[in-house]
Protein backbone atom coordinates (compact mmCIF):
# COMPACT_ATOMS: atom_id res chain seq x y z
CA GLN A 1 5.96 -38.98 16.60
CA VAL A 2 9.38 -38.88 14.90
CA GLN A 3 11.73 -41.85 14.85
CA LEU A 4 15.33 -42.09 13.65
CA VAL A 5 16.62 -45.61 13.05
CA GLU A 6 20.37 -46.05 12.67
CA SER A 7 22.16 -49.06 11.22
CA GLY A 8 25.48 -50.17 9.75
CA GLY A 9 27.84 -49.91 12.70
CA GLY A 10 30.16 -52.61 13.96
CA LEU A 11 33.76 -53.74 14.27
CA VAL A 12 36.24 -53.27 11.41
CA GLN A 13 39.99 -53.44 10.99
CA PRO A 14 42.07 -50.32 10.36
CA GLY A 15 41.83 -49.39 6.70
CA GLY A 16 38.39 -50.95 6.39
CA SER A 17 35.05 -49.40 5.49
CA LEU A 18 31.58 -49.06 6.96
CA ARG A 19 28.40 -47.39 5.79
CA LEU A 20 26.05 -45.91 8.36
CA SER A 21 22.39 -45.30 7.57
CA CYS A 22 19.77 -43.25 9.39
CA ALA A 23 16.13 -43.35 8.32
CA ALA A 24 13.63 -40.83 9.65
CA SER A 25 9.90 -41.45 9.86
CA GLY A 26 6.86 -40.00 11.53
CA ASN A 27 5.15 -36.64 11.63
CA ILE A 28 7.55 -34.66 9.42
CA PHE A 29 6.63 -32.11 6.80
CA SER A 30 10.15 -31.84 5.38
CA ILE A 31 13.77 -32.27 6.43
CA ASP A 32 16.24 -29.39 6.35
CA THR A 33 19.74 -30.38 7.47
CA MET A 34 20.96 -33.90 8.24
CA ALA A 35 24.18 -34.63 10.10
CA TRP A 36 26.35 -37.20 11.83
CA TYR A 37 28.00 -36.60 15.20
CA ARG A 38 30.31 -38.87 17.16
CA GLN A 39 31.48 -39.19 20.73
CA ALA A 40 34.49 -41.19 21.86
CA PRO A 41 35.00 -42.24 25.49
CA GLY A 42 36.16 -39.31 27.59
CA LYS A 43 35.67 -36.81 24.76
CA GLU A 44 32.99 -34.31 23.82
CA ARG A 45 30.54 -34.98 21.05
CA GLU A 46 31.72 -33.51 17.75
CA LEU A 47 30.12 -32.79 14.41
CA VAL A 48 31.54 -35.17 11.81
CA ALA A 49 29.62 -34.25 8.68
CA SER A 50 26.48 -32.44 7.60
CA ILE A 51 24.41 -32.10 4.46
CA THR A 52 21.79 -29.49 3.65
CA ARG A 53 18.53 -29.87 1.79
CA ASN A 54 20.26 -28.57 -1.35
CA PHE A 55 23.09 -31.12 -0.88
CA ASN A 56 25.84 -28.82 0.37
CA THR A 57 28.22 -30.76 2.62
CA ASN A 58 30.87 -30.08 5.22
CA TYR A 59 33.24 -32.28 7.22
CA VAL A 60 35.48 -32.09 10.22
CA ASP A 61 39.10 -31.91 9.05
CA SER A 62 40.04 -35.29 10.49
CA VAL A 63 37.69 -37.18 8.13
CA LYS A 64 38.05 -35.17 4.93
CA GLY A 65 38.91 -37.40 1.99
CA ARG A 66 37.82 -40.52 3.87
CA PHE A 67 34.15 -40.00 4.75
CA THR A 68 31.26 -39.07 2.48
CA ILE A 69 27.84 -37.94 3.66
CA SER A 70 24.84 -38.28 1.35
CA ARG A 71 21.07 -38.24 1.55
CA ASP A 72 18.09 -39.77 -0.18
CA SER A 73 15.31 -37.22 0.21
CA ALA A 74 12.62 -39.58 -1.07
CA LYS A 75 13.47 -42.04 1.72
CA ASN A 76 14.21 -39.44 4.43
CA THR A 77 17.54 -41.19 4.88
CA VAL A 78 21.09 -39.94 5.46
CA TYR A 79 24.22 -42.05 4.95
CA LEU A 80 27.82 -41.84 6.08
CA GLN A 81 30.26 -43.81 3.96
CA MET A 82 33.44 -44.29 5.98
CA SER A 83 36.63 -45.52 4.31
CA SER A 84 40.27 -45.87 5.36
CA LEU A 85 39.09 -46.14 8.94
CA LYS A 86 41.50 -45.43 11.77
CA PRO A 87 41.42 -46.46 15.43
CA GLU A 88 40.76 -42.84 16.36
CA ASP A 89 37.46 -43.06 14.46
CA THR A 90 36.18 -45.38 17.19
CA ALA A 91 33.14 -43.75 18.76
CA VAL A 92 29.39 -43.82 19.13
CA TYR A 93 27.92 -42.16 16.05
CA TYR A 94 24.69 -40.19 16.29
CA CYS A 95 22.36 -39.17 13.49
CA GLN A 96 20.74 -35.75 13.73
CA ILE A 97 18.07 -34.10 11.60
CA ARG A 98 16.54 -30.65 11.58
CA ALA A 99 12.98 -31.08 10.39
CA LEU A 100 9.95 -28.92 9.73
CA THR A 101 6.81 -30.19 11.42
CA PRO A 102 3.36 -30.05 9.80
CA ASN A 103 2.54 -27.00 11.91
CA MET A 104 5.60 -25.26 10.39
CA LEU A 105 7.99 -25.33 13.34
CA TYR A 106 11.56 -26.60 13.19
CA ASN A 107 12.70 -29.30 15.61
CA ILE A 108 15.96 -31.16 16.17
CA TYR A 109 15.84 -34.96 16.42
CA TRP A 110 18.55 -37.42 17.45
CA GLY A 111 19.16 -41.07 16.83
CA GLN A 112 20.00 -43.36 19.73
CA GLY A 113 23.64 -43.77 18.69
CA ILE A 114 25.46 -46.65 17.02
CA GLN A 115 28.89 -48.06 17.89
CA VAL A 116 31.77 -47.99 15.42
CA THR A 117 34.94 -49.76 16.56
CA VAL A 118 38.14 -49.77 14.50
CA SER A 119 40.65 -52.27 15.84
CA SER A 120 42.97 -55.02 14.67
């Protein structure tokens, strides 16, 4: 009943920029926290950035100053603006939301993952 659609990934050169989007739809009463995770080959999935319903944000140290997470509550959409990209940013990026269902229970939902490749 809940769908997360990710877009905006692709191949960019080092120093380039990409903007990821994740739109949630379906049987949701409200969205609490929204976040982006990533997983590189041979590595564990890590939290990249998160944003709360009152717009507080946090970032993993390796992306601070380069990435910006934002949300559009009216559209149930979270964004990740990525600048000054480095080869080590190459990974599959996953959107995650914590949402309140109409019956007032919290659930975690994941996007399918989208590839970001930084290479010259």
